[in-house]
Amino acid sequence: LANEEATSEARDAEGRRVSFAETNWEDVAVYVGDGSCYPHILPELSRAGMAIAGYTIDMELVYTVLMSLPASVYQSAQGAEHGAAALAAQFAEGHWSYWADCLGVVNTMNSTWQKQLKGKAMHAGTRRFAKAQRGTALFMQAYHVPAHRTEEEMAKLEGLEKQLALANALVDVLAKEAAGFHKQATEE
């Protein structure tokens, strides 16, 4: 069962939990985000989570944030992917770019606000939340990063492409962990 309230935590570059009040996102210019879902045959029992990683312009990890998708949001992988993008907008303090393996999120973020907020747009509510966040005004561009690369594939990569592949692998693991923040369904 999805938690009514989102459960979240912030971690520093070494993976230690830190208080959100202690975080300083001023140096973060690159956000990499991902969402994950454990689907269930009964949609009410699906559980989703999201994660972002904040990096300096030189791709040094600063913080990660993990969050379960609240019950008020449909528990799906795409919902979590869009949630992660909105989460980045909430923390961004300077000019920033966003990298995601979900092309739907990338295309949505790069479209006009009119298109993003259109009444029939599936994730318009999440985008409305993102538009209200302080970082939205300083958003520059969203980019696609291929998902689920193997260790052999990553070993062949170099430079920024390798750093982004490793960042995507990190948030993939963290988003799955965040989905686990939800209560577990029992056999009863």
C-alpha atoms as a PDB file:
ATOM      1  CA  LEU A   1       0.000   0.000   0.000  1.00  0.00           C
ATOM      2  CA  ALA A   2       1.302   3.405  -0.922  1.00  0.00           C
ATOM      3  CA  ASN A   3       2.040   5.753   1.975  1.00  0.00           C
ATOM      4  CA  GLU A   4      -0.333   8.712   2.249  1.00  0.00           C
ATOM      5  CA  GLU A   5       2.624  11.022   2.839  1.00  0.00           C
ATOM      6  CA  ALA A   6       5.867  10.802   0.918  1.00  0.00           C
ATOM      7  CA  THR A   7       8.820   9.403   2.835  1.00  0.00           C
ATOM      8  CA  SER A   8      12.086  11.055   1.900  1.00  0.00           C
ATOM      9  CA  GLU A   9      15.716  11.376   2.867  1.00  0.00           C
ATOM     10  CA  ALA A  10      18.760  13.315   1.723  1.00  0.00           C
ATOM     11  CA  ARG A  11      22.275  11.887   1.577  1.00  0.00           C
ATOM     12  CA  ASP A  12      25.659  13.496   1.110  1.00  0.00           C
ATOM     13  CA  ALA A  13      28.235  12.447  -1.493  1.00  0.00           C
ATOM     14  CA  GLU A  14      29.434   9.620   0.768  1.00  0.00           C
ATOM     15  CA  GLY A  15      25.902   8.242   1.121  1.00  0.00           C
ATOM     16  CA  ARG A  16      25.376   9.396   4.732  1.00  0.00           C
ATOM     17  CA  ARG A  17      21.926  10.632   5.674  1.00  0.00           C
ATOM     18  CA  VAL A  18      21.779  14.368   6.248  1.00  0.00           C
ATOM     19  CA  SER A  19      19.052  16.713   7.363  1.00  0.00           C
ATOM     20  CA  PHE A  20      17.393  18.639   4.535  1.00  0.00           C
ATOM     21  CA  ALA A  21      17.975  21.783   6.629  1.00  0.00           C
ATOM     22  CA  GLU A  22      21.740  21.133   6.433  1.00  0.00           C
ATOM     23  CA  THR A  23      21.848  20.816   2.641  1.00  0.00           C
ATOM     24  CA  ASN A  24      23.137  23.607   0.416  1.00  0.00           C
ATOM     25  CA  TRP A  25      22.320  23.225  -3.281  1.00  0.00           C
ATOM     26  CA  GLU A  26      24.041  26.414  -4.514  1.00  0.00           C
ATOM     27  CA  ASP A  27      26.853  24.537  -6.292  1.00  0.00           C
ATOM     28  CA  VAL A  28      24.539  22.003  -7.951  1.00  0.00           C
ATOM     29  CA  ALA A  29      24.149  22.636 -11.687  1.00  0.00           C
ATOM     30  CA  VAL A  30      23.369  19.157 -13.001  1.00  0.00           C
ATOM     31  CA  TYR A  31      20.536  16.959 -11.769  1.00  0.00           C
ATOM     32  CA  VAL A  32      20.125  13.337 -12.772  1.00  0.00           C
ATOM     33  CA  GLY A  33      16.793  11.772 -11.885  1.00  0.00           C
ATOM     34  CA  ASP A  34      14.960   8.483 -12.123  1.00  0.00           C
ATOM     35  CA  GLY A  35      11.742   6.850 -11.039  1.00  0.00           C
ATOM     36  CA  SER A  36      10.906   3.241 -10.357  1.00  0.00           C
ATOM     37  CA  CYS A  37       7.781   1.233  -9.676  1.00  0.00           C
ATOM     38  CA  TYR A  38       6.991  -2.198  -8.322  1.00  0.00           C
ATOM     39  CA  PRO A  39       3.754  -2.854 -10.220  1.00  0.00           C
ATOM     40  CA  HIS A  40       1.060  -5.125  -8.859  1.00  0.00           C
ATOM     41  CA  ILE A  41      -1.865  -6.804 -10.580  1.00  0.00           C
ATOM     42  CA  LEU A  42      -4.022  -4.632  -8.322  1.00  0.00           C
ATOM     43  CA  PRO A  43      -2.921  -1.058  -9.130  1.00  0.00           C
ATOM     44  CA  GLU A  44      -3.708   0.038  -5.556  1.00  0.00           C
ATOM     45  CA  LEU A  45      -0.870  -2.196  -4.364  1.00  0.00           C
ATOM     46  CA  SER A  46       1.752  -0.802  -6.749  1.00  0.00           C
ATOM     47  CA  ARG A  47       4.546   1.192  -5.094  1.00  0.00           C
ATOM     48  CA  ALA A  48       6.722   3.828  -6.741  1.00  0.00           C
ATOM     49  CA  GLY A  49       9.727   5.882  -5.727  1.00  0.00           C
ATOM     50  CA  MET A  50      11.998   8.511  -7.213  1.00  0.00           C
ATOM     51  CA  ALA A  51      15.510   9.781  -6.736  1.00  0.00           C
ATOM     52  CA  ILE A  52      17.673  12.674  -7.859  1.00  0.00           C
ATOM     53  CA  ALA A  53      21.412  13.196  -7.666  1.00  0.00           C
ATOM     54  CA  GLY A  54      22.820  16.718  -7.675  1.00  0.00           C
ATOM     55  CA  TYR A  55      26.237  17.352  -9.225  1.00  0.00           C
ATOM     56  CA  THR A  56      28.486  20.357  -9.660  1.00  0.00           C
ATOM     57  CA  ILE A  57      29.227  21.556 -13.180  1.00  0.00           C
ATOM     58  CA  ASP A  58      32.373  19.350 -12.977  1.00  0.00           C
ATOM     59  CA  MET A  59      30.176  16.296 -12.215  1.00  0.00           C
ATOM     60  CA  GLU A  60      31.179  15.982  -8.560  1.00  0.00           C
ATOM     61  CA  LEU A  61      28.336  14.460  -6.559  1.00  0.00           C
ATOM     62  CA  VAL A  62      26.958  16.788  -3.875  1.00  0.00           C
ATOM     63  CA  TYR A  63      23.678  15.220  -2.648  1.00  0.00           C
ATOM     64  CA  THR A  64      21.110  12.590  -3.443  1.00  0.00           C
ATOM     65  CA  VAL A  65      17.447  12.638  -2.472  1.00  0.00           C
ATOM     66  CA  LEU A  66      15.186   9.588  -2.320  1.00  0.00           C
ATOM     67  CA  MET A  67      11.422   9.882  -2.007  1.00  0.00           C
ATOM     68  CA  SER A  68       8.464   7.547  -2.181  1.00  0.00           C
ATOM     69  CA  LEU A  69       5.676   8.721  -4.448  1.00  0.00           C
ATOM     70  CA  PRO A  70       2.773   9.847  -2.213  1.00  0.00           C
ATOM     71  CA  ALA A  71      -0.480   7.889  -2.456  1.00  0.00           C
ATOM     72  CA  SER A  72      -2.233  10.872  -4.045  1.00  0.00           C
ATOM     73  CA  VAL A  73      -0.118  10.301  -7.175  1.00  0.00           C
ATOM     74  CA  TYR A  74      -0.806   7.271  -9.383  1.00  0.00           C
ATOM     75  CA  GLN A  75       1.878   4.714  -8.550  1.00  0.00           C
ATOM     76  CA  SER A  76       3.650   4.205 -11.871  1.00  0.00           C
ATOM     77  CA  ALA A  77       7.169   4.363 -13.231  1.00  0.00           C
ATOM     78  CA  GLN A  78       6.291   7.369 -15.412  1.00  0.00           C
ATOM     79  CA  GLY A  79       4.652   9.154 -12.492  1.00  0.00           C
ATOM     80  CA  ALA A  80       7.827   8.630 -10.481  1.00  0.00           C
ATOM     81  CA  GLU A  81      10.003   9.805 -13.400  1.00  0.00           C
ATOM     82  CA  HIS A  82       8.015  13.045 -13.652  1.00  0.00           C
ATOM     83  CA  GLY A  83       8.079  13.357  -9.855  1.00  0.00           C
ATOM     84  CA  ALA A  84      11.872  13.190  -9.845  1.00  0.00           C
ATOM     85  CA  ALA A  85      12.036  16.070 -12.332  1.00  0.00           C
ATOM     86  CA  ALA A  86       9.699  18.135 -10.125  1.00  0.00           C
ATOM     87  CA  LEU A  87      11.854  17.256  -7.119  1.00  0.00           C
ATOM     88  CA  ALA A  88      14.920  18.672  -8.880  1.00  0.00           C
ATOM     89  CA  ALA A  89      13.047  21.935  -9.506  1.00  0.00           C
ATOM     90  CA  GLN A  90      12.288  22.103  -5.797  1.00  0.00           C
ATOM     91  CA  PHE A  91      15.973  22.015  -4.811  1.00  0.00           C
ATOM     92  CA  ALA A  92      17.587  23.946  -7.686  1.00  0.00           C
ATOM     93  CA  GLU A  93      19.027  27.305  -6.623  1.00  0.00           C
ATOM     94  CA  GLY A  94      20.986  28.339  -9.714  1.00  0.00           C
ATOM     95  CA  HIS A  95      20.954  27.617 -13.440  1.00  0.00           C
ATOM     96  CA  TRP A  96      20.546  23.874 -13.926  1.00  0.00           C
ATOM     97  CA  SER A  97      20.117  21.092 -16.428  1.00  0.00           C
ATOM     98  CA  TYR A  98      18.338  17.772 -15.979  1.00  0.00           C
ATOM     99  CA  TRP A  99      19.278  14.332 -17.275  1.00  0.00           C
ATOM    100  CA  ALA A 100      16.833  11.425 -17.358  1.00  0.00           C
ATOM    101  CA  ASP A 101      16.489   8.045 -19.012  1.00  0.00           C
ATOM    102  CA  CYS A 102      12.769   8.660 -19.596  1.00  0.00           C
ATOM    103  CA  LEU A 103      12.388  10.352 -22.964  1.00  0.00           C
ATOM    104  CA  GLY A 104       8.827  11.364 -22.055  1.00  0.00           C
ATOM    105  CA  VAL A 105      10.158  13.471 -19.171  1.00  0.00           C
ATOM    106  CA  VAL A 106      12.887  15.011 -21.320  1.00  0.00           C
ATOM    107  CA  ASN A 107      10.427  15.914 -24.093  1.00  0.00           C
ATOM    108  CA  THR A 108       7.898  17.276 -21.599  1.00  0.00           C
ATOM    109  CA  MET A 109      10.448  19.438 -19.776  1.00  0.00           C
ATOM    110  CA  ASN A 110      11.680  20.869 -23.069  1.00  0.00           C
ATOM    111  CA  SER A 111       8.185  21.728 -24.309  1.00  0.00           C
ATOM    112  CA  THR A 112       6.254  24.925 -23.662  1.00  0.00           C
ATOM    113  CA  TRP A 113       4.467  25.449 -20.350  1.00  0.00           C
ATOM    114  CA  GLN A 114       1.217  25.664 -22.262  1.00  0.00           C
ATOM    115  CA  LYS A 115       1.720  22.136 -23.581  1.00  0.00           C
ATOM    116  CA  GLN A 116       2.968  20.795 -20.217  1.00  0.00           C
ATOM    117  CA  LEU A 117      -0.045  22.133 -18.318  1.00  0.00           C
ATOM    118  CA  LYS A 118      -2.702  21.268 -20.892  1.00  0.00           C
ATOM    119  CA  GLY A 119      -5.724  19.705 -19.200  1.00  0.00           C
ATOM    120  CA  LYS A 120      -5.357  16.401 -21.033  1.00  0.00           C
ATOM    121  CA  ALA A 121      -1.641  16.056 -20.273  1.00  0.00           C
ATOM    122  CA  MET A 122      -1.271  12.967 -18.064  1.00  0.00           C
ATOM    123  CA  HIS A 123       1.303  14.483 -15.713  1.00  0.00           C
ATOM    124  CA  ALA A 124       0.044  18.082 -15.799  1.00  0.00           C
ATOM    125  CA  GLY A 125      -0.484  18.107 -12.020  1.00  0.00           C
ATOM    126  CA  THR A 126       3.128  17.146 -11.374  1.00  0.00           C
ATOM    127  CA  ARG A 127       4.301  19.758 -13.874  1.00  0.00           C
ATOM    128  CA  ARG A 128       2.118  22.390 -12.142  1.00  0.00           C
ATOM    129  CA  PHE A 129       3.922  21.551  -8.904  1.00  0.00           C
ATOM    130  CA  ALA A 130       7.270  21.856 -10.693  1.00  0.00           C
ATOM    131  CA  LYS A 131       6.316  25.223 -12.226  1.00  0.00           C
ATOM    132  CA  ALA A 132       5.667  26.608  -8.733  1.00  0.00           C
ATOM    133  CA  GLN A 133       9.140  25.665  -7.467  1.00  0.00           C
ATOM    134  CA  ARG A 134      11.923  28.229  -7.089  1.00  0.00           C
ATOM    135  CA  GLY A 135      14.313  26.472  -9.466  1.00  0.00           C
ATOM    136  CA  THR A 136      11.968  26.387 -12.441  1.00  0.00           C
ATOM    137  CA  ALA A 137      12.824  29.925 -13.539  1.00  0.00           C
ATOM    138  CA  LEU A 138      16.506  28.969 -13.814  1.00  0.00           C
ATOM    139  CA  PHE A 139      15.959  25.683 -15.685  1.00  0.00           C
ATOM    140  CA  MET A 140      18.017  25.491 -18.872  1.00  0.00           C
ATOM    141  CA  GLN A 141      17.533  22.160 -20.680  1.00  0.00           C
ATOM    142  CA  ALA A 142      16.649  18.494 -20.192  1.00  0.00           C
ATOM    143  CA  TYR A 143      18.723  15.779 -21.825  1.00  0.00           C
ATOM    144  CA  HIS A 144      18.316  12.052 -22.391  1.00  0.00           C
ATOM    145  CA  VAL A 145      20.765   9.514 -20.993  1.00  0.00           C
ATOM    146  CA  PRO A 146      20.418   5.852 -22.029  1.00  0.00           C
ATOM    147  CA  ALA A 147      19.228   3.564 -19.234  1.00  0.00           C
ATOM    148  CA  HIS A 148      20.390   0.260 -17.801  1.00  0.00           C
ATOM    149  CA  ARG A 149      23.824   0.017 -19.324  1.00  0.00           C
ATOM    150  CA  THR A 150      25.843  -3.050 -18.413  1.00  0.00           C
ATOM    151  CA  GLU A 151      29.214  -2.819 -16.671  1.00  0.00           C
ATOM    152  CA  GLU A 152      30.891  -3.837 -19.948  1.00  0.00           C
ATOM    153  CA  GLU A 153      29.118  -1.017 -21.811  1.00  0.00           C
ATOM    154  CA  MET A 154      30.044   1.527 -19.139  1.00  0.00           C
ATOM    155  CA  ALA A 155      33.681   0.413 -19.159  1.00  0.00           C
ATOM    156  CA  LYS A 156      33.892   1.481 -22.829  1.00  0.00           C
ATOM    157  CA  LEU A 157      32.551   4.970 -22.142  1.00  0.00           C
ATOM    158  CA  GLU A 158      34.685   8.004 -21.441  1.00  0.00           C
ATOM    159  CA  GLY A 159      34.348  11.509 -20.028  1.00  0.00           C
ATOM    160  CA  LEU A 160      30.942  13.053 -19.503  1.00  0.00           C
ATOM    161  CA  GLU A 161      29.131  10.141 -21.142  1.00  0.00           C
ATOM    162  CA  LYS A 162      30.618   7.739 -18.581  1.00  0.00           C
ATOM    163  CA  GLN A 163      29.899  10.089 -15.668  1.00  0.00           C
ATOM    164  CA  LEU A 164      26.264  10.412 -16.739  1.00  0.00           C
ATOM    165  CA  ALA A 165      25.911   6.657 -17.201  1.00  0.00           C
ATOM    166  CA  LEU A 166      27.242   6.097 -13.672  1.00  0.00           C
ATOM    167  CA  ALA A 167      24.960   8.843 -12.330  1.00  0.00           C
ATOM    168  CA  ASN A 168      21.963   7.233 -14.034  1.00  0.00           C
ATOM    169  CA  ALA A 169      22.882   3.844 -12.562  1.00  0.00           C
ATOM    170  CA  LEU A 170      23.086   5.451  -9.098  1.00  0.00           C
ATOM    171  CA  VAL A 171      19.653   7.096  -9.244  1.00  0.00           C
ATOM    172  CA  ASP A 172      18.163   3.897 -10.686  1.00  0.00           C
ATOM    173  CA  VAL A 173      19.258   1.986  -7.572  1.00  0.00           C
ATOM    174  CA  LEU A 174      18.120   4.800  -5.269  1.00  0.00           C
ATOM    175  CA  ALA A 175      14.682   5.092  -6.920  1.00  0.00           C
ATOM    176  CA  LYS A 176      14.128   1.374  -6.339  1.00  0.00           C
ATOM    177  CA  GLU A 177      15.175   1.848  -2.709  1.00  0.00           C
ATOM    178  CA  ALA A 178      12.734   4.771  -2.395  1.00  0.00           C
ATOM    179  CA  ALA A 179       9.875   2.640  -3.730  1.00  0.00           C
ATOM    180  CA  GLY A 180      10.670   0.305  -0.835  1.00  0.00           C
ATOM    181  CA  PHE A 181       9.839   3.096   1.639  1.00  0.00           C
ATOM    182  CA  HIS A 182       6.157   2.215   1.136  1.00  0.00           C
ATOM    183  CA  LYS A 183       4.382  -0.229   3.415  1.00  0.00           C
ATOM    184  CA  GLN A 184       4.593  -3.779   2.166  1.00  0.00           C
ATOM    185  CA  ALA A 185       1.386  -5.608   1.206  1.00  0.00           C
ATOM    186  CA  THR A 186       0.685  -8.656   3.356  1.00  0.00           C
ATOM    187  CA  GLU A 187      -0.869 -11.980   2.346  1.00  0.00           C
ATOM    188  CA  GLU A 188      -4.040 -11.189   4.296  1.00  0.00           C
END
